């Protein structure tokens, strides 16, 4: 619950955003998280909000977006 929305949404696909040196490409990660948030209808929150700050419905949407 302490992770950010973008971290939760991109966690399953983190390998797409990590360089060979283990550094996360934050611009690509943020772009993907914004696209996913829009696709699942996440409302009233930013991708930098923590999961604990979201309503129950938005928490479910964020977790659903993890598998996209």
PDB file of N, CA and C in Angstrom:
ATOM      1  N   UNK A   1       0.812  -1.198   0.000  1.00  0.00           N
ATOM      2  CA  UNK A   1       0.000   0.000   0.000  1.00  0.00           C
ATOM      3  C   UNK A   1       0.860   1.269   0.000  1.00  0.00           C
ATOM      4  N   UNK A   2       2.132   1.139   0.322  1.00  0.00           N
ATOM      5  CA  UNK A   2       2.989   2.314   0.365  1.00  0.00           C
ATOM      6  C   UNK A   2       3.616   2.652  -0.991  1.00  0.00           C
ATOM      7  N   UNK A   3       3.482   1.735  -1.954  1.00  0.00           N
ATOM      8  CA  UNK A   3       4.013   2.016  -3.290  1.00  0.00           C
ATOM      9  C   UNK A   3       3.150   3.038  -4.011  1.00  0.00           C
ATOM     10  N   UNK A   4       3.731   3.735  -4.929  1.00  0.00           N
ATOM     11  CA  UNK A   4       3.000   4.697  -5.756  1.00  0.00           C
ATOM     12  C   UNK A   4       2.175   3.940  -6.802  1.00  0.00           C
ATOM     13  N   UNK A   5       1.164   4.621  -7.326  1.00  0.00           N
ATOM     14  CA  UNK A   5       0.300   4.027  -8.351  1.00  0.00           C
ATOM     15  C   UNK A   5       1.139   3.581  -9.549  1.00  0.00           C
ATOM     16  N   UNK A   6       2.040   4.440 -10.007  1.00  0.00           N
ATOM     17  CA  UNK A   6       2.853   4.087 -11.179  1.00  0.00           C
ATOM     18  C   UNK A   6       3.719   2.875 -10.908  1.00  0.00           C
ATOM     19  N   UNK A   7       4.246   2.747  -9.703  1.00  0.00           N
ATOM     20  CA  UNK A   7       5.063   1.587  -9.357  1.00  0.00           C
ATOM     21  C   UNK A   7       4.234   0.314  -9.370  1.00  0.00           C
ATOM     22  N   UNK A   8       3.017   0.398  -8.858  1.00  0.00           N
ATOM     23  CA  UNK A   8       2.132  -0.767  -8.863  1.00  0.00           C
ATOM     24  C   UNK A   8       1.745  -1.166 -10.277  1.00  0.00           C
ATOM     25  N   UNK A   9       1.473  -0.183 -11.115  1.00  0.00           N
ATOM     26  CA  UNK A   9       1.029  -0.475 -12.479  1.00  0.00           C
ATOM     27  C   UNK A   9       2.145  -1.041 -13.353  1.00  0.00           C
ATOM     28  N   UNK A  10       3.375  -0.673 -13.071  1.00  0.00           N
ATOM     29  CA  UNK A  10       4.476  -1.115 -13.929  1.00  0.00           C
ATOM     30  C   UNK A  10       5.280  -2.257 -13.325  1.00  0.00           C
ATOM     31  N   UNK A  11       4.967  -2.668 -12.133  1.00  0.00           N
ATOM     32  CA  UNK A  11       5.734  -3.689 -11.429  1.00  0.00           C
ATOM     33  C   UNK A  11       5.843  -4.999 -12.209  1.00  0.00           C
ATOM     34  N   UNK A  12       4.759  -5.429 -12.801  1.00  0.00           N
ATOM     35  CA  UNK A  12       4.758  -6.702 -13.523  1.00  0.00           C
ATOM     36  C   UNK A  12       5.589  -6.647 -14.801  1.00  0.00           C
ATOM     37  N   UNK A  13       5.836  -5.459 -15.298  1.00  0.00           N
ATOM     38  CA  UNK A  13       6.567  -5.283 -16.556  1.00  0.00           C
ATOM     39  C   UNK A  13       7.825  -4.447 -16.354  1.00  0.00           C
ATOM     40  N   UNK A  14       8.379  -4.504 -15.178  1.00  0.00           N
ATOM     41  CA  UNK A  14       9.519  -3.668 -14.834  1.00  0.00           C
ATOM     42  C   UNK A  14      10.713  -3.895 -15.756  1.00  0.00           C
ATOM     43  N   UNK A  15      10.849  -5.094 -16.260  1.00  0.00           N
ATOM     44  CA  UNK A  15      11.981  -5.389 -17.147  1.00  0.00           C
ATOM     45  C   UNK A  15      11.983  -4.518 -18.399  1.00  0.00           C
ATOM     46  N   UNK A  16      10.834  -4.005 -18.797  1.00  0.00           N
ATOM     47  CA  UNK A  16      10.739  -3.125 -19.967  1.00  0.00           C
ATOM     48  C   UNK A  16      11.305  -1.730 -19.695  1.00  0.00           C
ATOM     49  N   UNK A  17      11.432  -1.372 -18.424  1.00  0.00           N
ATOM     50  CA  UNK A  17      11.829  -0.021 -18.053  1.00  0.00           C
ATOM     51  C   UNK A  17      13.203   0.066 -17.389  1.00  0.00           C
ATOM     52  N   UNK A  18      13.884  -1.064 -17.273  1.00  0.00           N
ATOM     53  CA  UNK A  18      15.171  -1.091 -16.594  1.00  0.00           C
ATOM     54  C   UNK A  18      16.297  -1.201 -17.611  1.00  0.00           C
ATOM     55  N   UNK A  19      17.324  -0.395 -17.423  1.00  0.00           N
ATOM     56  CA  UNK A  19      18.487  -0.441 -18.309  1.00  0.00           C
ATOM     57  C   UNK A  19      19.346  -1.660 -17.965  1.00  0.00           C
ATOM     58  N   UNK A  20      20.366  -1.872 -18.740  1.00  0.00           N
ATOM     59  CA  UNK A  20      21.293  -2.982 -18.484  1.00  0.00           C
ATOM     60  C   UNK A  20      22.029  -2.805 -17.156  1.00  0.00           C
ATOM     61  N   UNK A  21      22.063  -1.577 -16.671  1.00  0.00           N
ATOM     62  CA  UNK A  21      22.750  -1.287 -15.417  1.00  0.00           C
ATOM     63  C   UNK A  21      21.815  -1.318 -14.213  1.00  0.00           C
ATOM     64  N   UNK A  22      20.543  -1.689 -14.416  1.00  0.00           N
ATOM     65  CA  UNK A  22      19.584  -1.788 -13.326  1.00  0.00           C
ATOM     66  C   UNK A  22      18.902  -0.487 -12.952  1.00  0.00           C
ATOM     67  N   UNK A  23      19.007   0.521 -13.792  1.00  0.00           N
ATOM     68  CA  UNK A  23      18.386   1.823 -13.522  1.00  0.00           C
ATOM     69  C   UNK A  23      17.042   1.896 -14.240  1.00  0.00           C
ATOM     70  N   UNK A  24      16.020   2.331 -13.523  1.00  0.00           N
ATOM     71  CA  UNK A  24      14.684   2.446 -14.105  1.00  0.00           C
ATOM     72  C   UNK A  24      14.615   3.695 -14.977  1.00  0.00           C
ATOM     73  N   UNK A  25      14.121   3.515 -16.193  1.00  0.00           N
ATOM     74  CA  UNK A  25      13.900   4.659 -17.098  1.00  0.00           C
ATOM     75  C   UNK A  25      12.576   5.297 -16.700  1.00  0.00           C
ATOM     76  N   UNK A  26      12.661   6.305 -15.853  1.00  0.00           N
ATOM     77  CA  UNK A  26      11.457   6.872 -15.243  1.00  0.00           C
ATOM     78  C   UNK A  26      10.525   7.520 -16.262  1.00  0.00           C
ATOM     79  N   UNK A  27      11.059   8.111 -17.320  1.00  0.00           N
ATOM     80  CA  UNK A  27      10.195   8.747 -18.319  1.00  0.00           C
ATOM     81  C   UNK A  27       9.325   7.709 -19.001  1.00  0.00           C
ATOM     82  N   UNK A  28       9.898   6.601 -19.374  1.00  0.00           N
ATOM     83  CA  UNK A  28       9.126   5.539 -20.024  1.00  0.00           C
ATOM     84  C   UNK A  28       8.143   4.907 -19.048  1.00  0.00           C
ATOM     85  N   UNK A  29       8.569   4.731 -17.805  1.00  0.00           N
ATOM     86  CA  UNK A  29       7.693   4.153 -16.790  1.00  0.00           C
ATOM     87  C   UNK A  29       6.481   5.061 -16.551  1.00  0.00           C
ATOM     88  N   UNK A  30       6.726   6.364 -16.439  1.00  0.00           N
ATOM     89  CA  UNK A  30       5.634   7.317 -16.204  1.00  0.00           C
ATOM     90  C   UNK A  30       4.668   7.353 -17.381  1.00  0.00           C
ATOM     91  N   UNK A  31       5.191   7.323 -18.595  1.00  0.00           N
ATOM     92  CA  UNK A  31       4.343   7.331 -19.791  1.00  0.00           C
ATOM     93  C   UNK A  31       3.445   6.102 -19.814  1.00  0.00           C
ATOM     94  N   UNK A  32       4.008   4.948 -19.532  1.00  0.00           N
ATOM     95  CA  UNK A  32       3.228   3.713 -19.521  1.00  0.00           C
ATOM     96  C   UNK A  32       2.176   3.739 -18.416  1.00  0.00           C
ATOM     97  N   UNK A  33       2.530   4.246 -17.248  1.00  0.00           N
ATOM     98  CA  UNK A  33       1.578   4.311 -16.132  1.00  0.00           C
ATOM     99  C   UNK A  33       0.434   5.273 -16.434  1.00  0.00           C
ATOM    100  N   UNK A  34       0.733   6.411 -17.056  1.00  0.00           N
ATOM    101  CA  UNK A  34      -0.324   7.363 -17.426  1.00  0.00           C
ATOM    102  C   UNK A  34      -1.275   6.747 -18.438  1.00  0.00           C
ATOM    103  N   UNK A  35      -0.728   6.050 -19.410  1.00  0.00           N
ATOM    104  CA  UNK A  35      -1.555   5.400 -20.436  1.00  0.00           C
ATOM    105  C   UNK A  35      -2.457   4.335 -19.799  1.00  0.00           C
ATOM    106  N   UNK A  36      -1.888   3.559 -18.885  1.00  0.00           N
ATOM    107  CA  UNK A  36      -2.653   2.511 -18.214  1.00  0.00           C
ATOM    108  C   UNK A  36      -3.729   3.114 -17.322  1.00  0.00           C
ATOM    109  N   UNK A  37      -3.393   4.179 -16.583  1.00  0.00           N
ATOM    110  CA  UNK A  37      -4.371   4.834 -15.706  1.00  0.00           C
ATOM    111  C   UNK A  37      -5.562   5.330 -16.510  1.00  0.00           C
ATOM    112  N   UNK A  38      -5.289   5.888 -17.668  1.00  0.00           N
ATOM    113  CA  UNK A  38      -6.367   6.360 -18.533  1.00  0.00           C
ATOM    114  C   UNK A  38      -7.197   5.186 -19.051  1.00  0.00           C
ATOM    115  N   UNK A  39      -6.536   4.107 -19.431  1.00  0.00           N
ATOM    116  CA  UNK A  39      -7.233   2.943 -19.991  1.00  0.00           C
ATOM    117  C   UNK A  39      -8.166   2.270 -18.975  1.00  0.00           C
ATOM    118  N   UNK A  40      -7.769   2.241 -17.702  1.00  0.00           N
ATOM    119  CA  UNK A  40      -8.607   1.592 -16.688  1.00  0.00           C
ATOM    120  C   UNK A  40      -9.577   2.557 -16.022  1.00  0.00           C
ATOM    121  N   UNK A  41      -9.499   3.845 -16.368  1.00  0.00           N
ATOM    122  CA  UNK A  41     -10.444   4.824 -15.835  1.00  0.00           C
ATOM    123  C   UNK A  41     -10.123   5.285 -14.427  1.00  0.00           C
ATOM    124  N   UNK A  42      -8.859   5.309 -14.076  1.00  0.00           N
ATOM    125  CA  UNK A  42      -8.450   5.780 -12.762  1.00  0.00           C
ATOM    126  C   UNK A  42      -8.774   7.270 -12.668  1.00  0.00           C
ATOM    127  N   UNK A  43      -9.561   7.636 -11.674  1.00  0.00           N
ATOM    128  CA  UNK A  43      -9.989   9.036 -11.584  1.00  0.00           C
ATOM    129  C   UNK A  43      -9.672   9.623 -10.215  1.00  0.00           C
ATOM    130  N   UNK A  44      -9.425  10.933 -10.211  1.00  0.00           N
ATOM    131  CA  UNK A  44      -9.220  11.636  -8.958  1.00  0.00           C
ATOM    132  C   UNK A  44      -7.898  11.360  -8.279  1.00  0.00           C
ATOM    133  N   UNK A  45      -6.960  10.792  -8.999  1.00  0.00           N
ATOM    134  CA  UNK A  45      -5.656  10.490  -8.406  1.00  0.00           C
ATOM    135  C   UNK A  45      -4.582  10.668  -9.467  1.00  0.00           C
ATOM    136  N   UNK A  46      -3.382  10.886  -9.014  1.00  0.00           N
ATOM    137  CA  UNK A  46      -2.271  10.956  -9.944  1.00  0.00           C
ATOM    138  C   UNK A  46      -1.481   9.661  -9.846  1.00  0.00           C
ATOM    139  N   UNK A  47      -0.610   9.448 -10.804  1.00  0.00           N
ATOM    140  CA  UNK A  47       0.197   8.233 -10.775  1.00  0.00           C
ATOM    141  C   UNK A  47       1.253   8.304  -9.673  1.00  0.00           C
ATOM    142  N   UNK A  48       1.420   9.470  -9.068  1.00  0.00           N
ATOM    143  CA  UNK A  48       2.371   9.613  -7.966  1.00  0.00           C
ATOM    144  C   UNK A  48       1.706   9.510  -6.596  1.00  0.00           C
ATOM    145  N   UNK A  49       0.401   9.275  -6.575  1.00  0.00           N
ATOM    146  CA  UNK A  49      -0.292   9.042  -5.309  1.00  0.00           C
ATOM    147  C   UNK A  49       0.088   7.663  -4.794  1.00  0.00           C
ATOM    148  N   UNK A  50       0.067   7.496  -3.477  1.00  0.00           N
ATOM    149  CA  UNK A  50       0.287   6.154  -2.937  1.00  0.00           C
ATOM    150  C   UNK A  50      -1.021   5.381  -3.036  1.00  0.00           C
ATOM    151  N   UNK A  51      -0.909   4.085  -3.047  1.00  0.00           N
ATOM    152  CA  UNK A  51      -2.111   3.262  -3.138  1.00  0.00           C
ATOM    153  C   UNK A  51      -3.026   3.495  -1.943  1.00  0.00           C
ATOM    154  N   UNK A  52      -2.453   3.779  -0.780  1.00  0.00           N
ATOM    155  CA  UNK A  52      -3.245   4.015   0.427  1.00  0.00           C
ATOM    156  C   UNK A  52      -4.109   5.269   0.310  1.00  0.00           C
ATOM    157  N   UNK A  53      -3.714   6.199  -0.539  1.00  0.00           N
ATOM    158  CA  UNK A  53      -4.468   7.446  -0.706  1.00  0.00           C
ATOM    159  C   UNK A  53      -5.682   7.274  -1.612  1.00  0.00           C
ATOM    160  N   UNK A  54      -5.765   6.162  -2.315  1.00  0.00           N
ATOM    161  CA  UNK A  54      -6.857   5.950  -3.269  1.00  0.00           C
ATOM    162  C   UNK A  54      -8.085   5.365  -2.598  1.00  0.00           C
ATOM    163  N   UNK A  55      -9.232   5.585  -3.230  1.00  0.00           N
ATOM    164  CA  UNK A  55     -10.457   4.932  -2.768  1.00  0.00           C
ATOM    165  C   UNK A  55     -10.354   3.445  -3.111  1.00  0.00           C
ATOM    166  N   UNK A  56     -11.221   2.662  -2.546  1.00  0.00           N
ATOM    167  CA  UNK A  56     -11.202   1.218  -2.808  1.00  0.00           C
ATOM    168  C   UNK A  56     -11.365   0.891  -4.285  1.00  0.00           C
ATOM    169  N   UNK A  57     -12.263   1.612  -4.953  1.00  0.00           N
ATOM    170  CA  UNK A  57     -12.492   1.371  -6.376  1.00  0.00           C
ATOM    171  C   UNK A  57     -11.278   1.719  -7.218  1.00  0.00           C
ATOM    172  N   UNK A  58     -10.627   2.824  -6.895  1.00  0.00           N
ATOM    173  CA  UNK A  58      -9.429   3.208  -7.631  1.00  0.00           C
ATOM    174  C   UNK A  58      -8.258   2.281  -7.320  1.00  0.00           C
ATOM    175  N   UNK A  59      -8.205   1.732  -6.110  1.00  0.00           N
ATOM    176  CA  UNK A  59      -7.168   0.755  -5.792  1.00  0.00           C
ATOM    177  C   UNK A  59      -7.342  -0.487  -6.682  1.00  0.00           C
ATOM    178  N   UNK A  60      -8.578  -0.916  -6.844  1.00  0.00           N
ATOM    179  CA  UNK A  60      -8.849  -2.074  -7.697  1.00  0.00           C
ATOM    180  C   UNK A  60      -8.478  -1.777  -9.144  1.00  0.00           C
ATOM    181  N   UNK A  61      -8.793  -0.592  -9.622  1.00  0.00           N
ATOM    182  CA  UNK A  61      -8.450  -0.214 -10.991  1.00  0.00           C
ATOM    183  C   UNK A  61      -6.939  -0.214 -11.187  1.00  0.00           C
ATOM    184  N   UNK A  62      -6.213   0.314 -10.209  1.00  0.00           N
ATOM    185  CA  UNK A  62      -4.755   0.354 -10.293  1.00  0.00           C
ATOM    186  C   UNK A  62      -4.177  -1.058 -10.331  1.00  0.00           C
ATOM    187  N   UNK A  63      -4.712  -1.943  -9.519  1.00  0.00           N
ATOM    188  CA  UNK A  63      -4.227  -3.326  -9.522  1.00  0.00           C
ATOM    189  C   UNK A  63      -4.622  -4.033 -10.814  1.00  0.00           C
ATOM    190  N   UNK A  64      -5.784  -3.739 -11.317  1.00  0.00           N
ATOM    191  CA  UNK A  64      -6.209  -4.302 -12.599  1.00  0.00           C
ATOM    192  C   UNK A  64      -5.266  -3.826 -13.707  1.00  0.00           C
ATOM    193  N   UNK A  65      -4.840  -2.583 -13.620  1.00  0.00           N
ATOM    194  CA  UNK A  65      -3.934  -2.024 -14.603  1.00  0.00           C
ATOM    195  C   UNK A  65      -2.561  -2.657 -14.579  1.00  0.00           C
ATOM    196  N   UNK A  66      -2.215  -3.298 -13.487  1.00  0.00           N
ATOM    197  CA  UNK A  66      -0.922  -3.962 -13.362  1.00  0.00           C
ATOM    198  C   UNK A  66      -0.753  -5.048 -14.421  1.00  0.00           C
ATOM    199  N   UNK A  67      -1.836  -5.692 -14.777  1.00  0.00           N
ATOM    200  CA  UNK A  67      -1.776  -6.807 -15.720  1.00  0.00           C
ATOM    201  C   UNK A  67      -1.912  -6.400 -17.171  1.00  0.00           C
ATOM    202  N   UNK A  68      -2.038  -5.121 -17.437  1.00  0.00           N
ATOM    203  CA  UNK A  68      -2.216  -4.660 -18.818  1.00  0.00           C
ATOM    204  C   UNK A  68      -0.917  -4.621 -19.556  1.00  0.00           C
TER     205      UNK A  68
END
